[in-house]
Amino acid sequence: MDQHAAVERIGTGFVFTEGPIWHPGEQYLLFSDMPGDVRRKWTRQAGVSEYLRPSNKGNGMTYDAELNLLVCEHATSSVARFRPDGTRELLASHFEGQELNSPNDIVMRSDGAIFFTDPTYGRMEHFGVPRPLQLGFQGVYMLPPGHKPGDEAILVSDRYMFTQPNGLCFSPCERWMWVNDTEQANIRMFDVGEDGRLRNGRIFASGIKDAVKAGVPDGMKADANGNVWVTAPGGVWVYSFEGMLIGKVEVPEMVANLHWGGEDWQTLFMCACTSVYAVKTKVRPRSEPFMTAKPVPAQAAASPADNESLIAPSKGLELAACPPLDPKKTALLIQDLQNDVMIDGGAFEGTGSPQHAREQNVVANAIALADTARRLGMPVIHIWMVCEPGHPLLSQYAPLFQGLKGENALVRGTWGVAPVPGLEPKPGDLVCEKMSMSAWETSRLESYLRHAGIDTIINTGSWTNMSVEHTARTAADKGFRVVVPEDACSTMNADWHRASINYAMQNVASVTSVASVMSVLR
């Protein structure tokens, strides 16, 4: 990496972060906010949003070759698998009839074998759920290829070698594995047998501690060249394949775990206490099975029961399954997702809109819907509020329009009027400019839809209780069917959003979730 590469803080305000993992298809980072009992998601476009609560105080995570999420759960002393639809399966929780201590970090071999460490941190206050230990040792375990959910794990290390085994990683060729021990402040290197057993253990690096700087061996990954990157005092330490300390990455907080991601796999994400940091590297990680995986092909259409299961957690919202959609007669509307409305530093930042957009993950969800619509040949129509410099002849009777002029917002040619990053129109998309809350009154929208034979719109964007709602009301009056995926919409806060979704929108639209819409559009 460059000697002066910037370490960027991409999220903060958490309790204690762990387990970063990058989704190669949908391009987002998952990480654990472990004592907070929540799993969080980050994208460059939308920032941090809540992904799952409660999370059973999940810690280390990875994906398998089918992009199922594998999680070490402290609260349940288990390794669990989460299908893309959210279904949880218990993979392992016992050894020799006794509960595991608390699975901590996890990695997969290319043949499908899953390896994980099992220290006792998850049975302690703050990081887990205090309860007595059942096993009398801490080791490394494997779930072999073909493992049946619920079967016991296989111990692949010596029972009494480790005090608190924590991070683990394979070499690029998978002939060797490194396992660190937090309390012993060292890293061991092992030969890995075809049966998964760890043999010929030897000290690879020791003395990973500092009386002045906070940090211990915890998370650990190997890069494509066989160097080992491990959390340590002051940030992350890097060792050559031969065990020589060759560099350090300084981070403002104590780092607990790390993983590469980004489109080019050259962004190193670091979970560090209350924050998550990122830094660019010149090297990529060792190739793991999930990095080139493709999702398992879905069925042609979801059954009603499946569709119901894709409705997002209610958040107090009245949602239903998405009705059947004909892509030839359906268009996607993306409304007001512009910098002044959605981005920190925009004209309407003070309304709370950027924060609610992050909570809803609205930008990433809109991108996913747009990509699906384009693949199916559906029109994607961007609707933007665009004002001329000085806001000439803009009525000042309504507070909404007073705010537009008072904040000098959404002016043609400015940064604020541009679409948020990731939602720029692509070839074949259409753009409608408007000067009203509703998308219909001052734009070409109706002409586009009528000429294309469209009778259904998927209505997304900001603001839920203004632009989205007004567009839905008028669409119903004009005889269009309206589908509103609520998690592709946002406004000033959850209360305004809930009021619009639960009351105003129920009589004019089918209100559902992005996942439910996507299941219908397979």
Protein backbone atom coordinates (compact mmCIF):
# COMPACT_ATOMS: atom_id res chain seq x y z
CA MET A 1 0.00 0.00 0.00
CA ASP A 2 1.06 3.60 -0.38
CA GLN A 3 3.02 4.82 2.63
CA HIS A 4 0.61 7.71 3.22
CA ALA A 5 -2.63 6.06 2.12
CA ALA A 6 -5.58 7.70 3.87
CA VAL A 7 -7.43 5.67 6.48
CA GLU A 8 -11.05 6.79 6.06
CA ARG A 9 -13.72 6.45 8.75
CA ILE A 10 -16.86 5.30 6.94
CA GLY A 11 -19.16 4.82 9.95
CA THR A 12 -19.14 5.48 13.68
CA GLY A 13 -21.28 5.57 16.81
CA PHE A 14 -21.40 1.81 17.36
CA VAL A 15 -20.79 -0.23 20.52
CA PHE A 16 -18.07 -2.64 19.32
CA THR A 17 -17.69 -3.65 15.67
CA GLU A 18 -16.56 -7.03 14.34
CA GLY A 19 -16.77 -9.52 11.49
CA PRO A 20 -16.60 -7.41 8.28
CA ILE A 21 -17.49 -9.25 5.07
CA TRP A 22 -18.08 -7.98 1.51
CA HIS A 23 -20.90 -9.21 -0.73
CA PRO A 24 -19.34 -9.68 -4.19
CA GLY A 25 -22.58 -9.46 -6.15
CA GLU A 26 -24.52 -6.69 -4.44
CA GLN A 27 -21.43 -4.71 -3.43
CA TYR A 28 -22.05 -4.01 0.24
CA LEU A 29 -20.23 -4.54 3.53
CA LEU A 30 -21.81 -6.41 6.43
CA PHE A 31 -20.40 -6.07 9.92
CA SER A 32 -21.37 -7.02 13.45
CA ASP A 33 -22.11 -4.48 16.18
CA MET A 34 -21.69 -7.30 18.64
CA PRO A 35 -22.59 -5.99 22.14
CA GLY A 36 -25.34 -3.92 20.50
CA ASP A 37 -26.82 -7.20 19.18
CA VAL A 38 -27.28 -5.85 15.66
CA ARG A 39 -25.88 -6.62 12.21
CA ARG A 40 -25.25 -3.59 10.03
CA LYS A 41 -24.78 -2.91 6.33
CA TRP A 42 -22.69 -0.25 4.57
CA THR A 43 -22.65 0.97 0.99
CA ARG A 44 -20.72 3.87 -0.47
CA GLN A 45 -23.97 5.37 -1.75
CA ALA A 46 -26.19 5.07 1.33
CA GLY A 47 -23.79 4.71 4.25
CA VAL A 48 -24.72 2.53 7.24
CA SER A 49 -28.13 0.94 7.80
CA GLU A 50 -29.48 -1.70 10.16
CA TYR A 51 -29.54 -5.17 8.60
CA LEU A 52 -30.73 -7.50 11.40
CA ARG A 53 -31.76 -7.04 15.04
CA PRO A 54 -31.39 -9.04 17.21
CA SER A 55 -28.36 -10.82 15.76
CA ASN A 56 -27.64 -13.30 18.60
CA LYS A 57 -24.53 -11.18 19.22
CA GLY A 58 -22.98 -12.41 15.99
CA ASN A 59 -19.22 -12.03 15.62
CA GLY A 60 -17.13 -13.35 12.69
CA MET A 61 -18.84 -13.85 9.32
CA THR A 62 -18.12 -15.17 5.85
CA TYR A 63 -20.07 -16.41 2.83
CA ASP A 64 -20.09 -19.89 1.34
CA ALA A 65 -19.78 -20.57 -2.38
CA GLU A 66 -23.55 -20.10 -2.80
CA LEU A 67 -23.47 -16.73 -1.02
CA ASN A 68 -25.22 -17.99 2.09
CA LEU A 69 -24.02 -15.98 5.08
CA LEU A 70 -22.15 -17.99 7.76
CA VAL A 71 -22.14 -16.39 11.23
CA CYS A 72 -20.45 -17.19 14.54
CA GLU A 73 -23.10 -16.41 17.18
CA HIS A 74 -21.93 -15.63 20.70
CA ALA A 75 -25.36 -15.70 22.34
CA THR A 76 -26.22 -19.19 21.03
CA SER A 77 -22.72 -20.76 21.01
CA SER A 78 -23.46 -21.70 17.40
CA VAL A 79 -22.42 -21.45 13.80
CA ALA A 80 -25.48 -20.45 11.78
CA ARG A 81 -26.20 -20.18 8.07
CA PHE A 82 -28.50 -17.50 6.65
CA ARG A 83 -30.04 -18.05 3.24
CA PRO A 84 -30.43 -14.99 0.97
CA ASP A 85 -34.13 -14.86 1.91
CA GLY A 86 -33.17 -14.54 5.61
CA THR A 87 -33.92 -18.13 6.63
CA ARG A 88 -31.64 -19.18 9.52
CA GLU A 89 -30.23 -22.72 9.80
CA LEU A 90 -28.25 -24.05 12.76
CA LEU A 91 -25.08 -25.67 11.42
CA ALA A 92 -23.34 -26.66 14.67
CA SER A 93 -23.58 -25.94 18.39
CA HIS A 94 -22.02 -28.95 20.23
CA PHE A 95 -18.94 -31.12 20.55
CA GLU A 96 -19.04 -34.46 22.39
CA GLY A 97 -22.50 -33.62 23.68
CA GLN A 98 -21.38 -30.33 25.24
CA GLU A 99 -22.15 -26.81 24.07
CA LEU A 100 -19.38 -25.05 22.22
CA ASN A 101 -17.87 -22.12 24.10
CA SER A 102 -18.71 -19.32 21.63
CA PRO A 103 -17.65 -19.61 17.97
CA ASN A 104 -15.67 -16.49 17.11
CA ASP A 105 -14.10 -16.32 13.65
CA ILE A 106 -14.78 -18.39 10.55
CA VAL A 107 -13.30 -19.24 7.15
CA MET A 108 -14.14 -21.65 4.32
CA ARG A 109 -11.85 -23.91 2.29
CA SER A 110 -12.40 -24.28 -1.46
CA ASP A 111 -13.80 -27.82 -1.01
CA GLY A 112 -16.61 -26.45 1.19
CA ALA A 113 -15.12 -27.33 4.60
CA ILE A 114 -15.83 -24.65 7.23
CA PHE A 115 -13.28 -23.88 9.97
CA PHE A 116 -13.91 -21.78 13.07
CA THR A 117 -12.29 -20.87 16.39
CA ASP A 118 -14.02 -21.33 19.74
CA PRO A 119 -12.74 -19.11 22.59
CA THR A 120 -14.86 -18.15 25.60
CA TYR A 121 -15.51 -14.44 24.95
CA GLY A 122 -19.18 -15.00 24.09
CA ARG A 123 -19.85 -16.26 27.63
CA MET A 124 -18.60 -13.01 29.13
CA GLU A 125 -20.45 -9.81 30.00
CA HIS A 126 -20.70 -7.20 27.21
CA PHE A 127 -19.42 -9.41 24.36
CA GLY A 128 -21.93 -12.19 24.96
CA VAL A 129 -24.28 -13.77 27.47
CA PRO A 130 -22.69 -14.73 30.83
CA ARG A 131 -23.19 -18.44 31.51
CA PRO A 132 -21.06 -21.38 32.71
CA LEU A 133 -18.68 -23.13 30.34
CA GLN A 134 -19.37 -26.74 29.40
CA LEU A 135 -16.13 -27.59 27.58
CA GLY A 136 -12.83 -27.45 29.43
CA PHE A 137 -10.70 -26.20 26.55
CA GLN A 138 -10.64 -23.81 23.58
CA GLY A 139 -9.90 -25.15 20.11
CA VAL A 140 -10.35 -24.95 16.35
CA TYR A 141 -13.17 -26.91 14.66
CA MET A 142 -14.24 -28.00 11.21
CA LEU A 143 -17.56 -28.71 9.53
CA PRO A 144 -16.52 -31.05 6.68
CA PRO A 145 -17.86 -30.96 3.12
CA GLY A 146 -21.33 -32.49 3.20
CA HIS A 147 -21.86 -31.53 6.84
CA LYS A 148 -25.50 -31.93 7.86
CA PRO A 149 -27.02 -29.03 9.82
CA GLY A 150 -27.06 -29.85 13.51
CA ASP A 151 -24.30 -32.47 13.39
CA GLU A 152 -21.46 -31.97 15.85
CA ALA A 153 -18.32 -30.12 14.82
CA ILE A 154 -14.98 -31.92 14.45
CA LEU A 155 -12.08 -30.77 16.62
CA VAL A 156 -9.04 -30.32 14.34
CA SER A 157 -6.54 -28.79 16.81
CA ASP A 158 -4.88 -29.99 19.99
CA ARG A 159 -7.25 -29.54 22.94
CA TYR A 160 -4.86 -27.64 25.15
CA MET A 161 -2.63 -25.70 22.75
CA PHE A 162 -4.64 -22.48 22.82
CA THR A 163 -5.74 -20.15 25.61
CA GLN A 164 -8.09 -18.02 23.48
CA PRO A 165 -7.90 -18.95 19.76
CA ASN A 166 -9.33 -16.11 17.74
CA GLY A 167 -8.48 -15.13 14.14
CA LEU A 168 -7.71 -17.77 11.52
CA CYS A 169 -6.94 -17.75 7.80
CA PHE A 170 -5.66 -20.00 5.02
CA SER A 171 -2.60 -19.43 2.88
CA PRO A 172 -3.43 -18.74 -0.80
CA CYS A 173 -2.73 -22.40 -1.68
CA GLU A 174 -4.66 -23.69 1.40
CA ARG A 175 -1.76 -25.98 2.39
CA TRP A 176 -1.26 -23.95 5.56
CA MET A 177 -3.42 -22.20 8.11
CA TRP A 178 -2.56 -19.47 10.59
CA VAL A 179 -4.39 -19.23 13.93
CA ASN A 180 -3.72 -16.49 16.48
CA ASP A 181 -4.19 -16.58 20.24
CA THR A 182 -5.32 -13.32 21.82
CA GLU A 183 -4.08 -14.03 25.35
CA GLN A 184 -0.78 -15.57 24.24
CA ALA A 185 -0.28 -12.62 21.82
CA ASN A 186 1.04 -14.90 19.09
CA ILE A 187 0.25 -16.54 15.75
CA ARG A 188 0.80 -20.23 14.99
CA MET A 189 1.22 -21.74 11.54
CA PHE A 190 -0.07 -25.26 10.76
CA ASP A 191 0.06 -27.77 7.97
CA VAL A 192 -3.50 -28.62 6.91
CA GLY A 193 -4.21 -32.25 6.11
CA GLU A 194 -6.71 -33.37 3.51
CA ASP A 195 -8.87 -34.45 6.44
CA GLY A 196 -8.74 -30.90 7.78
CA ARG A 197 -6.56 -31.73 10.79
CA LEU A 198 -4.06 -29.06 11.84
CA ARG A 199 -0.59 -30.58 12.20
CA ASN A 200 2.97 -29.47 12.91
CA GLY A 201 1.98 -26.34 14.78
CA ARG A 202 4.79 -23.81 15.22
CA ILE A 203 5.06 -20.21 16.36
CA PHE A 204 4.88 -17.90 13.35
CA ALA A 205 4.94 -14.56 15.22
CA SER A 206 5.00 -13.69 18.92
CA GLY A 207 5.07 -10.64 21.17
CA ILE A 208 2.15 -8.97 19.42
CA LYS A 209 1.51 -6.54 22.27
CA ASP A 210 2.44 -3.06 23.43
CA ALA A 211 2.22 -1.62 26.93
CA VAL A 212 1.32 1.80 25.54
CA LYS A 213 -0.93 1.15 22.52
CA ALA A 214 -4.27 -0.66 22.64
CA GLY A 215 -4.69 -3.70 20.43
CA VAL A 216 -4.36 -7.49 20.45
CA PRO A 217 -4.27 -10.33 17.91
CA ASP A 218 -7.91 -10.78 16.90
CA GLY A 219 -9.09 -10.79 13.30
CA MET A 220 -6.59 -12.00 10.69
CA LYS A 221 -6.47 -12.39 6.89
CA ALA A 222 -3.90 -13.41 4.28
CA ASP A 223 -3.33 -11.48 1.07
CA ALA A 224 -2.75 -12.94 -2.39
CA ASN A 225 1.03 -12.94 -1.83
CA GLY A 226 0.87 -14.96 1.38
CA ASN A 227 1.45 -12.03 3.75
CA VAL A 228 -0.56 -12.13 6.98
CA TRP A 229 -2.52 -9.03 8.14
CA VAL A 230 -3.50 -9.19 11.82
CA THR A 231 -5.09 -6.76 14.26
CA ALA A 232 -2.50 -5.57 16.77
CA PRO A 233 -1.48 -2.59 18.94
CA GLY A 234 -2.14 0.65 17.11
CA GLY A 235 -4.02 -0.89 14.20
CA VAL A 236 -2.98 -3.73 11.87
CA TRP A 237 0.44 -5.43 11.60
CA VAL A 238 1.58 -7.18 8.42
CA TYR A 239 3.90 -10.20 8.40
CA SER A 240 5.63 -11.77 5.41
CA PHE A 241 5.08 -15.44 4.64
CA GLU A 242 8.33 -16.12 6.49
CA GLY A 243 7.04 -14.41 9.67
CA MET A 244 8.93 -11.11 9.35
CA LEU A 245 7.09 -7.96 10.47
CA ILE A 246 7.10 -5.83 7.30
CA GLY A 247 4.68 -3.00 8.06
CA LYS A 248 1.95 -1.47 10.20
CA VAL A 249 -1.31 0.30 9.37
CA GLU A 250 -2.11 2.97 11.95
CA VAL A 251 -5.80 3.32 12.86
CA PRO A 252 -7.28 5.82 15.36
CA GLU A 253 -9.10 3.08 17.33
CA MET A 254 -8.28 -0.47 18.39
CA VAL A 255 -9.00 -2.76 15.45
CA ALA A 256 -10.90 -6.01 16.07
CA ASN A 257 -11.23 -7.51 12.58
CA LEU A 258 -10.63 -6.83 8.91
CA HIS A 259 -11.51 -7.98 5.40
CA TRP A 260 -11.01 -6.77 1.86
CA GLY A 261 -13.83 -5.67 -0.42
CA GLY A 262 -14.84 -3.18 -3.06
CA GLU A 263 -15.32 -3.80 -6.76
CA ASP A 264 -11.58 -4.45 -7.22
CA TRP A 265 -11.05 -6.20 -3.86
CA GLN A 266 -8.44 -3.57 -2.98
CA THR A 267 -10.22 -1.76 -0.14
CA LEU A 268 -9.30 -3.06 3.30
CA PHE A 269 -12.21 -2.61 5.73
CA MET A 270 -11.32 -2.53 9.43
CA CYS A 271 -13.79 -2.86 12.30
CA ALA A 272 -12.38 -0.80 15.18
CA CYS A 273 -14.35 -0.48 18.42
CA THR A 274 -16.98 2.23 17.78
CA SER A 275 -16.17 2.80 14.09
CA VAL A 276 -15.44 1.16 10.74
CA TYR A 277 -12.46 2.33 8.66
CA ALA A 278 -11.31 1.72 5.09
CA VAL A 279 -7.99 2.10 3.29
CA LYS A 280 -6.89 1.35 -0.28
CA THR A 281 -4.24 -1.32 -0.83
CA LYS A 282 -2.23 -2.39 -3.87
CA VAL A 283 -2.61 -6.06 -3.00
CA ARG A 284 -5.76 -8.16 -3.03
CA PRO A 285 -6.79 -10.84 -0.54
CA ARG A 286 -6.21 -14.53 -1.00
CA SER A 287 -8.99 -15.90 -3.17
CA GLU A 288 -11.88 -17.31 -1.13
CA PRO A 289 -14.70 -19.42 -2.59
CA PHE A 290 -17.38 -16.76 -2.15
CA MET A 291 -15.47 -14.04 -4.02
CA THR A 292 -16.37 -15.40 -7.45
CA ALA A 293 -19.64 -17.04 -6.41
CA LYS A 294 -22.93 -16.47 -8.15
CA PRO A 295 -26.26 -16.65 -6.30
CA VAL A 296 -28.12 -19.93 -6.67
CA PRO A 297 -30.63 -19.46 -9.55
CA ALA A 298 -34.06 -18.70 -8.19
CA GLN A 299 -37.27 -20.39 -9.23
CA ALA A 300 -39.17 -18.76 -12.06
CA ALA A 301 -41.68 -17.28 -9.64
CA ALA A 302 -42.18 -17.23 -5.93
CA SER A 303 -45.15 -19.01 -4.44
CA PRO A 304 -47.54 -16.86 -2.39
CA ALA A 305 -46.02 -18.27 0.81
CA ASP A 306 -42.50 -17.46 -0.39
CA ASN A 307 -43.57 -13.99 -1.40
CA GLU A 308 -45.08 -13.33 2.02
CA SER A 309 -41.79 -14.34 3.64
CA LEU A 310 -39.97 -11.65 1.66
CA ILE A 311 -41.88 -8.83 3.30
CA ALA A 312 -39.39 -6.88 5.38
CA PRO A 313 -39.70 -6.74 9.19
CA SER A 314 -42.72 -4.55 9.70
CA LYS A 315 -41.20 -1.61 11.60
CA GLY A 316 -44.84 -0.97 12.49
CA LEU A 317 -45.82 -0.80 8.81
CA GLU A 318 -48.82 -2.29 7.03
CA LEU A 319 -47.25 -4.26 4.16
CA ALA A 320 -48.51 -6.90 1.76
CA ALA A 321 -46.97 -9.22 -0.80
CA CYS A 322 -46.24 -7.68 -4.18
CA PRO A 323 -48.96 -8.55 -6.72
CA PRO A 324 -48.00 -10.27 -10.00
CA LEU A 325 -46.29 -7.89 -12.43
CA ASP A 326 -45.99 -7.98 -16.22
CA PRO A 327 -42.59 -6.42 -17.05
CA LYS A 328 -43.92 -5.39 -20.49
CA LYS A 329 -46.55 -3.19 -18.84
CA THR A 330 -44.60 -1.99 -15.80
CA ALA A 331 -42.27 0.98 -15.33
CA LEU A 332 -39.98 1.94 -12.46
CA LEU A 333 -40.11 5.55 -11.20
CA ILE A 334 -37.16 6.91 -9.19
CA GLN A 335 -38.19 10.27 -7.80
CA ASP A 336 -36.24 13.15 -6.16
CA LEU A 337 -33.17 11.04 -5.26
CA GLN A 338 -30.96 14.10 -5.72
CA ASN A 339 -28.02 15.40 -3.70
CA ASP A 340 -29.82 18.34 -2.08
CA VAL A 341 -32.50 15.95 -0.83
CA MET A 342 -30.52 12.87 0.15
CA ILE A 343 -26.88 13.67 0.90
CA ASP A 344 -25.12 15.15 3.93
CA GLY A 345 -24.21 18.71 2.96
CA GLY A 346 -27.28 19.09 0.76
CA ALA A 347 -29.83 21.86 1.14
CA PHE A 348 -32.24 19.69 3.13
CA GLU A 349 -29.72 17.97 5.39
CA GLY A 350 -31.33 19.62 8.41
CA THR A 351 -34.66 17.86 7.81
CA GLY A 352 -33.20 14.47 8.69
CA SER A 353 -33.64 13.18 5.13
CA PRO A 354 -30.07 11.85 4.69
CA GLN A 355 -30.27 9.88 7.93
CA HIS A 356 -33.66 8.37 7.13
CA ALA A 357 -32.41 7.44 3.66
CA ARG A 358 -29.54 5.55 5.28
CA GLU A 359 -31.90 3.81 7.71
CA GLN A 360 -34.07 2.72 4.79
CA ASN A 361 -31.06 1.78 2.61
CA VAL A 362 -33.09 3.54 -0.05
CA VAL A 363 -30.31 4.33 -2.53
CA ALA A 364 -28.95 0.78 -2.70
CA ASN A 365 -32.49 -0.60 -2.91
CA ALA A 366 -33.38 1.76 -5.76
CA ILE A 367 -30.19 0.76 -7.59
CA ALA A 368 -31.09 -2.93 -7.23
CA LEU A 369 -34.60 -2.33 -8.59
CA ALA A 370 -33.23 -0.28 -11.50
CA ASP A 371 -30.73 -2.98 -12.44
CA THR A 372 -33.49 -5.60 -12.41
CA ALA A 373 -35.85 -3.40 -14.44
CA ARG A 374 -33.20 -2.77 -17.11
CA ARG A 375 -32.45 -6.49 -17.34
CA LEU A 376 -36.13 -7.17 -18.00
CA GLY A 377 -36.53 -4.34 -20.51
CA MET A 378 -38.75 -2.25 -18.22
CA PRO A 379 -38.62 1.56 -18.55
CA VAL A 380 -36.59 3.23 -15.80
CA ILE A 381 -37.76 6.83 -15.39
CA HIS A 382 -35.86 9.32 -13.22
CA ILE A 383 -38.02 12.21 -12.00
CA TRP A 384 -36.16 15.28 -10.78
CA MET A 385 -37.24 18.55 -9.27
CA VAL A 386 -35.30 21.18 -11.25
CA CYS A 387 -35.49 24.93 -10.58
CA GLU A 388 -33.95 27.73 -12.60
CA PRO A 389 -31.41 30.05 -10.92
CA GLY A 390 -33.21 32.43 -8.62
CA HIS A 391 -36.35 30.25 -8.62
CA PRO A 392 -38.31 32.65 -10.88
CA LEU A 393 -42.11 32.55 -10.74
CA LEU A 394 -42.09 29.84 -8.05
CA SER A 395 -45.15 30.38 -5.86
CA GLN A 396 -44.29 31.13 -2.24
CA TYR A 397 -47.65 30.27 -0.71
CA ALA A 398 -46.73 26.68 0.26
CA PRO A 399 -43.98 26.11 2.88
CA LEU A 400 -42.50 23.44 0.60
CA PHE A 401 -41.81 25.98 -2.15
CA GLN A 402 -40.72 28.58 0.37
CA GLY A 403 -38.09 26.09 1.52
CA LEU A 404 -36.93 25.43 -2.04
CA LYS A 405 -36.27 29.11 -2.65
CA GLY A 406 -35.05 29.89 0.87
CA GLU A 407 -32.42 27.15 0.76
CA ASN A 408 -31.56 27.91 -2.90
CA ALA A 409 -32.15 24.21 -3.51
CA LEU A 410 -32.31 21.99 -6.58
CA VAL A 411 -31.00 24.62 -8.98
CA ARG A 412 -30.15 23.62 -12.52
CA GLY A 413 -26.41 23.17 -13.06
CA THR A 414 -25.54 22.80 -9.36
CA TRP A 415 -24.25 19.80 -7.39
CA GLY A 416 -27.49 19.73 -5.39
CA VAL A 417 -29.73 19.03 -8.37
CA ALA A 418 -27.63 16.08 -9.60
CA PRO A 419 -28.72 12.49 -8.89
CA VAL A 420 -27.10 10.80 -5.90
CA PRO A 421 -24.01 8.69 -6.76
CA GLY A 422 -25.01 5.34 -8.19
CA LEU A 423 -28.37 6.55 -9.56
CA GLU A 424 -27.16 8.41 -12.60
CA PRO A 425 -29.32 7.60 -15.65
CA LYS A 426 -27.96 4.82 -17.82
CA PRO A 427 -28.41 4.38 -21.58
CA GLY A 428 -32.08 3.74 -22.27
CA ASP A 429 -33.33 5.41 -19.08
CA LEU A 430 -35.63 8.43 -19.30
CA VAL A 431 -35.58 11.66 -17.29
CA CYS A 432 -38.60 13.79 -16.41
CA GLU A 433 -38.08 17.25 -14.93
CA LYS A 434 -40.87 18.66 -12.76
CA MET A 435 -41.81 21.71 -10.72
CA SER A 436 -44.36 20.05 -8.45
CA MET A 437 -44.59 17.43 -5.70
CA SER A 438 -46.48 15.04 -7.96
CA ALA A 439 -44.54 13.59 -10.88
CA TRP A 440 -47.54 14.05 -13.18
CA GLU A 441 -48.46 17.73 -13.20
CA THR A 442 -45.44 19.40 -14.81
CA SER A 443 -43.57 16.60 -16.60
CA ARG A 444 -43.71 14.26 -19.59
CA LEU A 445 -44.40 11.23 -17.41
CA GLU A 446 -47.94 10.47 -18.60
CA SER A 447 -46.95 10.76 -22.26
CA TYR A 448 -44.08 8.32 -21.77
CA LEU A 449 -46.27 5.78 -19.96
CA ARG A 450 -49.28 5.97 -22.30
CA HIS A 451 -47.14 5.70 -25.45
CA ALA A 452 -45.33 2.65 -24.01
CA GLY A 453 -48.54 0.85 -23.06
CA ILE A 454 -47.68 0.93 -19.35
CA ASP A 455 -50.47 0.34 -16.85
CA THR A 456 -48.41 -0.29 -13.66
CA ILE A 457 -45.78 1.83 -11.93
CA ILE A 458 -43.30 0.85 -9.21
CA ASN A 459 -43.17 4.11 -7.28
CA THR A 460 -39.92 4.85 -5.36
CA GLY A 461 -37.93 7.80 -4.08
CA SER A 462 -38.19 10.72 -1.69
CA TRP A 463 -40.21 12.14 -0.05
CA THR A 464 -42.58 9.30 0.98
CA ASN A 465 -45.27 11.59 2.39
CA MET A 466 -45.01 14.21 -0.37
CA SER A 467 -43.63 13.33 -3.82
CA VAL A 468 -44.17 9.57 -3.60
CA GLU A 469 -47.61 9.85 -2.04
CA HIS A 470 -48.84 12.60 -4.37
CA THR A 471 -47.63 10.64 -7.39
CA ALA A 472 -49.44 7.52 -6.17
CA ARG A 473 -52.70 9.40 -5.57
CA THR A 474 -52.73 10.94 -9.03
CA ALA A 475 -51.70 7.67 -10.66
CA ALA A 476 -54.71 5.96 -9.11
CA ASP A 477 -56.99 8.73 -10.38
CA LYS A 478 -55.55 8.25 -13.88
CA GLY A 479 -56.22 4.50 -13.81
CA PHE A 480 -52.69 3.21 -13.18
CA ARG A 481 -51.87 0.42 -10.74
CA VAL A 482 -49.28 1.55 -8.19
CA VAL A 483 -46.77 -0.60 -6.29
CA VAL A 484 -44.81 1.11 -3.51
CA PRO A 485 -41.82 -0.83 -2.08
CA GLU A 486 -41.54 1.06 1.20
CA ASP A 487 -37.82 0.38 1.69
CA ALA A 488 -37.08 2.13 -1.62
CA CYS A 489 -38.71 5.28 -0.22
CA SER A 490 -37.65 7.69 2.50
CA THR A 491 -38.54 11.07 3.95
CA MET A 492 -37.58 13.18 6.98
CA ASN A 493 -38.00 10.49 9.63
CA ALA A 494 -39.63 7.15 10.37
CA ASP A 495 -42.77 8.75 11.83
CA TRP A 496 -43.64 10.69 8.68
CA HIS A 497 -42.82 7.61 6.59
CA ARG A 498 -45.01 5.36 8.74
CA ALA A 499 -47.97 7.76 8.59
CA SER A 500 -47.88 7.86 4.80
CA ILE A 501 -47.36 4.11 4.36
CA ASN A 502 -49.99 3.01 6.89
CA TYR A 503 -52.74 5.48 6.03
CA ALA A 504 -52.52 7.65 2.93
CA MET A 505 -50.97 5.02 0.67
CA GLN A 506 -53.16 2.05 1.61
CA ASN A 507 -56.13 3.17 -0.50
CA VAL A 508 -54.20 4.00 -3.67
CA ALA A 509 -51.32 1.50 -3.87
CA SER A 510 -50.03 -1.98 -3.09
CA VAL A 511 -47.48 -1.28 -0.36
CA THR A 512 -44.78 -3.96 -0.11
CA SER A 513 -40.99 -4.46 0.14
CA VAL A 514 -38.13 -4.41 -2.34
CA ALA A 515 -37.48 -8.12 -1.72
CA SER A 516 -41.09 -8.96 -2.52
CA VAL A 517 -41.00 -6.93 -5.75
CA MET A 518 -37.72 -8.56 -6.77
CA SER A 519 -39.17 -12.03 -6.16
CA VAL A 520 -42.01 -11.27 -8.58
CA LEU A 521 -39.65 -9.84 -11.20
CA ARG A 522 -37.32 -12.85 -11.37
